[in-house]
Amino acid sequence: MDREAADRIFEAAGRHPDSPTAASGFDARAEAAAGRIEESDKEC
C-alpha cells in the first residue's frame, strides 16, 4: 500500500469515526503497512 492510499484511508476514518473502516482499525493498519513498505524501499 502506498502512502497516498494510506493517507486517504486514515483521513476518511477521521472524518467518519463510526464507519466500519475506522471501527475495524483498518486505518491504523494501512498506515503501518505504508510505513513498512517505505522502510523496505529504503533498504533496497
N, C-alpha and C. Protein backbone atom coordinates (compact mmCIF):
# COMPACT_ATOMS: atom_id res chain seq x y z
N MET A 1 0.85 -1.16 0.00
CA MET A 1 0.00 0.00 0.00
C MET A 1 0.90 1.23 0.00
N ASP A 2 0.60 2.18 -0.89
CA ASP A 2 1.43 3.38 -0.92
C ASP A 2 0.94 4.41 0.10
N ARG A 3 1.78 5.39 0.34
CA ARG A 3 1.49 6.41 1.36
C ARG A 3 0.22 7.19 1.02
N GLU A 4 0.01 7.51 -0.25
CA GLU A 4 -1.18 8.28 -0.63
C GLU A 4 -2.46 7.52 -0.30
N ALA A 5 -2.50 6.24 -0.58
CA ALA A 5 -3.69 5.44 -0.28
C ALA A 5 -3.90 5.36 1.22
N ALA A 6 -2.82 5.14 1.97
CA ALA A 6 -2.94 5.07 3.43
C ALA A 6 -3.44 6.39 4.00
N ASP A 7 -2.94 7.49 3.47
CA ASP A 7 -3.39 8.80 3.95
C ASP A 7 -4.87 9.02 3.67
N ARG A 8 -5.33 8.61 2.49
CA ARG A 8 -6.76 8.76 2.17
C ARG A 8 -7.62 7.96 3.12
N ILE A 9 -7.21 6.73 3.42
CA ILE A 9 -7.97 5.87 4.33
C ILE A 9 -7.98 6.47 5.73
N PHE A 10 -6.80 6.92 6.20
CA PHE A 10 -6.67 7.49 7.53
C PHE A 10 -7.53 8.74 7.68
N GLU A 11 -7.52 9.62 6.67
CA GLU A 11 -8.31 10.85 6.71
C GLU A 11 -9.80 10.56 6.67
N ALA A 12 -10.22 9.59 5.86
CA ALA A 12 -11.63 9.24 5.79
C ALA A 12 -12.12 8.67 7.12
N ALA A 13 -11.29 7.86 7.76
CA ALA A 13 -11.67 7.31 9.05
C ALA A 13 -11.80 8.41 10.10
N GLY A 14 -10.96 9.43 10.00
CA GLY A 14 -11.05 10.56 10.92
C GLY A 14 -12.32 11.37 10.72
N ARG A 15 -12.75 11.48 9.46
CA ARG A 15 -13.99 12.22 9.17
C ARG A 15 -15.22 11.45 9.59
N HIS A 16 -15.13 10.12 9.58
CA HIS A 16 -16.27 9.27 9.89
C HIS A 16 -15.84 8.20 10.90
N PRO A 17 -15.64 8.59 12.15
CA PRO A 17 -15.10 7.65 13.14
C PRO A 17 -15.99 6.45 13.44
N ASP A 18 -17.26 6.52 13.08
CA ASP A 18 -18.16 5.39 13.33
C ASP A 18 -18.27 4.46 12.13
N SER A 19 -17.52 4.74 11.07
CA SER A 19 -17.57 3.91 9.87
C SER A 19 -16.96 2.54 10.14
N PRO A 20 -17.33 1.55 9.36
CA PRO A 20 -16.73 0.21 9.54
C PRO A 20 -15.22 0.22 9.40
N THR A 21 -14.69 1.05 8.51
CA THR A 21 -13.24 1.12 8.32
C THR A 21 -12.56 1.63 9.59
N ALA A 22 -13.09 2.70 10.15
CA ALA A 22 -12.50 3.25 11.36
C ALA A 22 -12.68 2.31 12.54
N ALA A 23 -13.87 1.74 12.66
CA ALA A 23 -14.16 0.86 13.80
C ALA A 23 -13.30 -0.40 13.78
N SER A 24 -12.92 -0.85 12.58
CA SER A 24 -12.15 -2.09 12.48
C SER A 24 -10.65 -1.86 12.71
N GLY A 25 -10.23 -0.60 12.71
CA GLY A 25 -8.82 -0.31 12.87
C GLY A 25 -8.04 -0.40 11.56
N PHE A 26 -8.75 -0.49 10.46
CA PHE A 26 -8.07 -0.61 9.17
C PHE A 26 -7.21 0.61 8.86
N ASP A 27 -7.65 1.78 9.32
CA ASP A 27 -6.85 2.99 9.06
C ASP A 27 -5.46 2.88 9.67
N ALA A 28 -5.38 2.38 10.88
CA ALA A 28 -4.08 2.21 11.54
C ALA A 28 -3.24 1.15 10.84
N ARG A 29 -3.88 0.07 10.40
CA ARG A 29 -3.14 -0.98 9.70
C ARG A 29 -2.63 -0.48 8.35
N ALA A 30 -3.42 0.36 7.67
CA ALA A 30 -2.99 0.93 6.40
C ALA A 30 -1.76 1.82 6.60
N GLU A 31 -1.79 2.64 7.64
CA GLU A 31 -0.65 3.50 7.95
C GLU A 31 0.58 2.65 8.24
N ALA A 32 0.41 1.60 9.02
CA ALA A 32 1.54 0.72 9.37
C ALA A 32 2.10 0.04 8.12
N ALA A 33 1.23 -0.41 7.25
CA ALA A 33 1.68 -1.08 6.03
C ALA A 33 2.47 -0.13 5.15
N ALA A 34 1.98 1.09 5.01
CA ALA A 34 2.69 2.08 4.20
C ALA A 34 4.07 2.36 4.80
N GLY A 35 4.14 2.44 6.11
CA GLY A 35 5.43 2.66 6.76
C GLY A 35 6.40 1.52 6.54
N ARG A 36 5.90 0.29 6.61
CA ARG A 36 6.77 -0.88 6.37
C ARG A 36 7.28 -0.88 4.93
N ILE A 37 6.43 -0.54 3.99
CA ILE A 37 6.84 -0.52 2.59
C ILE A 37 7.88 0.56 2.35
N GLU A 38 7.66 1.74 2.96
CA GLU A 38 8.64 2.81 2.82
C GLU A 38 10.00 2.38 3.39
N GLU A 39 10.00 1.71 4.53
CA GLU A 39 11.24 1.26 5.13
C GLU A 39 11.93 0.22 4.25
N SER A 40 11.17 -0.71 3.70
CA SER A 40 11.78 -1.73 2.85
C SER A 40 12.33 -1.12 1.56
N ASP A 41 11.70 -0.07 1.06
CA ASP A 41 12.20 0.62 -0.13
C ASP A 41 13.54 1.29 0.16
N LYS A 42 13.71 1.80 1.38
CA LYS A 42 14.97 2.45 1.75
C LYS A 42 16.12 1.44 1.83
N GLU A 43 15.80 0.23 2.21
CA GLU A 43 16.83 -0.81 2.38
C GLU A 43 17.33 -1.34 1.05
N CYS A 44 16.56 -1.22 0.01
CA CYS A 44 16.95 -1.78 -1.30
C CYS A 44 17.88 -0.88 -2.06
